[in-house]
């Protein structure tokens, strides 16, 4: 999950070296992913009206269902 999120966001970001993803497990099958990007890239990652962020969450949801878990994304 973490690798998938890093790949997607690094492809979007202008400063891919500043992308940090933290993964933590909650309640056994729930995964919390915290994403940190540079302030200049935050708008690109969120997108207009949150469309890019929603698309990323959808991809994570599909990947997590295949693994039998549930993913939650927080953009910091």
C-alpha atoms as a PDB file:
ATOM      1  CA  UNK A   1       0.000   0.000   0.000  1.00  0.00           C
ATOM      2  CA  UNK A   2       2.736   2.406   1.008  1.00  0.00           C
ATOM      3  CA  UNK A   3       4.695   1.737  -2.184  1.00  0.00           C
ATOM      4  CA  UNK A   4       1.630   2.273  -4.362  1.00  0.00           C
ATOM      5  CA  UNK A   5       0.867   5.620  -2.720  1.00  0.00           C
ATOM      6  CA  UNK A   6       4.497   6.755  -3.024  1.00  0.00           C
ATOM      7  CA  UNK A   7       4.576   5.829  -6.713  1.00  0.00           C
ATOM      8  CA  UNK A   8       1.362   7.720  -7.502  1.00  0.00           C
ATOM      9  CA  UNK A   9       2.252  10.864  -5.562  1.00  0.00           C
ATOM     10  CA  UNK A  10       5.870  11.012  -6.767  1.00  0.00           C
ATOM     11  CA  UNK A  11       4.537  10.913 -10.330  1.00  0.00           C
ATOM     12  CA  UNK A  12       2.332  13.936  -9.638  1.00  0.00           C
ATOM     13  CA  UNK A  13       4.655  16.029  -7.446  1.00  0.00           C
ATOM     14  CA  UNK A  14       7.197  18.563  -8.713  1.00  0.00           C
ATOM     15  CA  UNK A  15       9.482  17.743  -5.775  1.00  0.00           C
ATOM     16  CA  UNK A  16       9.296  13.933  -5.546  1.00  0.00           C
ATOM     17  CA  UNK A  17      12.136  13.815  -3.002  1.00  0.00           C
ATOM     18  CA  UNK A  18       9.973  15.595  -0.421  1.00  0.00           C
ATOM     19  CA  UNK A  19       7.185  12.987  -0.499  1.00  0.00           C
ATOM     20  CA  UNK A  20       6.922  11.057   2.783  1.00  0.00           C
ATOM     21  CA  UNK A  21       4.429   8.297   3.504  1.00  0.00           C
ATOM     22  CA  UNK A  22       3.922   6.867   6.988  1.00  0.00           C
ATOM     23  CA  UNK A  23       2.001   3.619   7.374  1.00  0.00           C
ATOM     24  CA  UNK A  24       0.485   2.415  10.630  1.00  0.00           C
ATOM     25  CA  UNK A  25      -1.904  -0.427  11.432  1.00  0.00           C
ATOM     26  CA  UNK A  26      -5.079   0.050  13.424  1.00  0.00           C
ATOM     27  CA  UNK A  27      -7.607  -2.556  14.585  1.00  0.00           C
ATOM     28  CA  UNK A  28      -5.907  -5.447  12.786  1.00  0.00           C
ATOM     29  CA  UNK A  29      -7.194  -4.919   9.266  1.00  0.00           C
ATOM     30  CA  UNK A  30      -7.235  -1.113   9.033  1.00  0.00           C
ATOM     31  CA  UNK A  31      -4.224   0.719   7.567  1.00  0.00           C
ATOM     32  CA  UNK A  32      -3.672   4.446   8.138  1.00  0.00           C
ATOM     33  CA  UNK A  33      -1.507   6.145   5.504  1.00  0.00           C
ATOM     34  CA  UNK A  34      -0.264   9.646   6.262  1.00  0.00           C
ATOM     35  CA  UNK A  35       1.052  11.600   3.291  1.00  0.00           C
ATOM     36  CA  UNK A  36       3.363  14.603   3.592  1.00  0.00           C
ATOM     37  CA  UNK A  37       4.332  16.678   0.550  1.00  0.00           C
ATOM     38  CA  UNK A  38       5.944  20.075   0.076  1.00  0.00           C
ATOM     39  CA  UNK A  39       3.580  23.049   0.368  1.00  0.00           C
ATOM     40  CA  UNK A  40       4.018  23.753  -3.357  1.00  0.00           C
ATOM     41  CA  UNK A  41       2.811  20.267  -4.312  1.00  0.00           C
ATOM     42  CA  UNK A  42      -0.128  20.081  -1.925  1.00  0.00           C
ATOM     43  CA  UNK A  43      -2.452  21.715  -4.459  1.00  0.00           C
ATOM     44  CA  UNK A  44      -1.444  19.246  -7.161  1.00  0.00           C
ATOM     45  CA  UNK A  45      -1.997  16.259  -4.889  1.00  0.00           C
ATOM     46  CA  UNK A  46      -5.393  17.484  -3.687  1.00  0.00           C
ATOM     47  CA  UNK A  47      -6.547  18.754  -7.087  1.00  0.00           C
ATOM     48  CA  UNK A  48      -9.508  20.904  -7.960  1.00  0.00           C
ATOM     49  CA  UNK A  49     -12.310  20.310  -5.505  1.00  0.00           C
ATOM     50  CA  UNK A  50     -10.360  17.311  -4.181  1.00  0.00           C
ATOM     51  CA  UNK A  51     -10.727  15.222  -7.320  1.00  0.00           C
ATOM     52  CA  UNK A  52      -7.135  13.981  -7.451  1.00  0.00           C
ATOM     53  CA  UNK A  53      -7.152  13.080  -3.749  1.00  0.00           C
ATOM     54  CA  UNK A  54     -10.459  11.265  -4.193  1.00  0.00           C
ATOM     55  CA  UNK A  55      -9.037   9.300  -7.126  1.00  0.00           C
ATOM     56  CA  UNK A  56      -5.997   8.315  -5.071  1.00  0.00           C
ATOM     57  CA  UNK A  57      -8.280   7.181  -2.250  1.00  0.00           C
ATOM     58  CA  UNK A  58     -10.299   5.097  -4.719  1.00  0.00           C
ATOM     59  CA  UNK A  59      -7.156   3.353  -6.000  1.00  0.00           C
ATOM     60  CA  UNK A  60      -6.051   2.666  -2.435  1.00  0.00           C
ATOM     61  CA  UNK A  61      -9.476   1.287  -1.583  1.00  0.00           C
ATOM     62  CA  UNK A  62      -9.329  -1.167  -4.492  1.00  0.00           C
ATOM     63  CA  UNK A  63      -5.805  -2.287  -3.590  1.00  0.00           C
ATOM     64  CA  UNK A  64      -6.695  -2.672   0.080  1.00  0.00           C
ATOM     65  CA  UNK A  65      -9.751  -4.808  -0.681  1.00  0.00           C
ATOM     66  CA  UNK A  66      -7.511  -7.182  -2.633  1.00  0.00           C
ATOM     67  CA  UNK A  67      -5.301  -7.479   0.474  1.00  0.00           C
ATOM     68  CA  UNK A  68      -8.290  -7.943   2.773  1.00  0.00           C
ATOM     69  CA  UNK A  69      -7.680  -4.671   4.611  1.00  0.00           C
ATOM     70  CA  UNK A  70      -9.120  -1.169   4.698  1.00  0.00           C
ATOM     71  CA  UNK A  71      -6.998   1.891   3.864  1.00  0.00           C
ATOM     72  CA  UNK A  72      -7.468   5.439   5.148  1.00  0.00           C
ATOM     73  CA  UNK A  73      -5.478   8.306   3.621  1.00  0.00           C
ATOM     74  CA  UNK A  74      -4.620  11.515   5.470  1.00  0.00           C
ATOM     75  CA  UNK A  75      -2.903  14.341   3.603  1.00  0.00           C
ATOM     76  CA  UNK A  76      -0.873  16.466   6.007  1.00  0.00           C
END
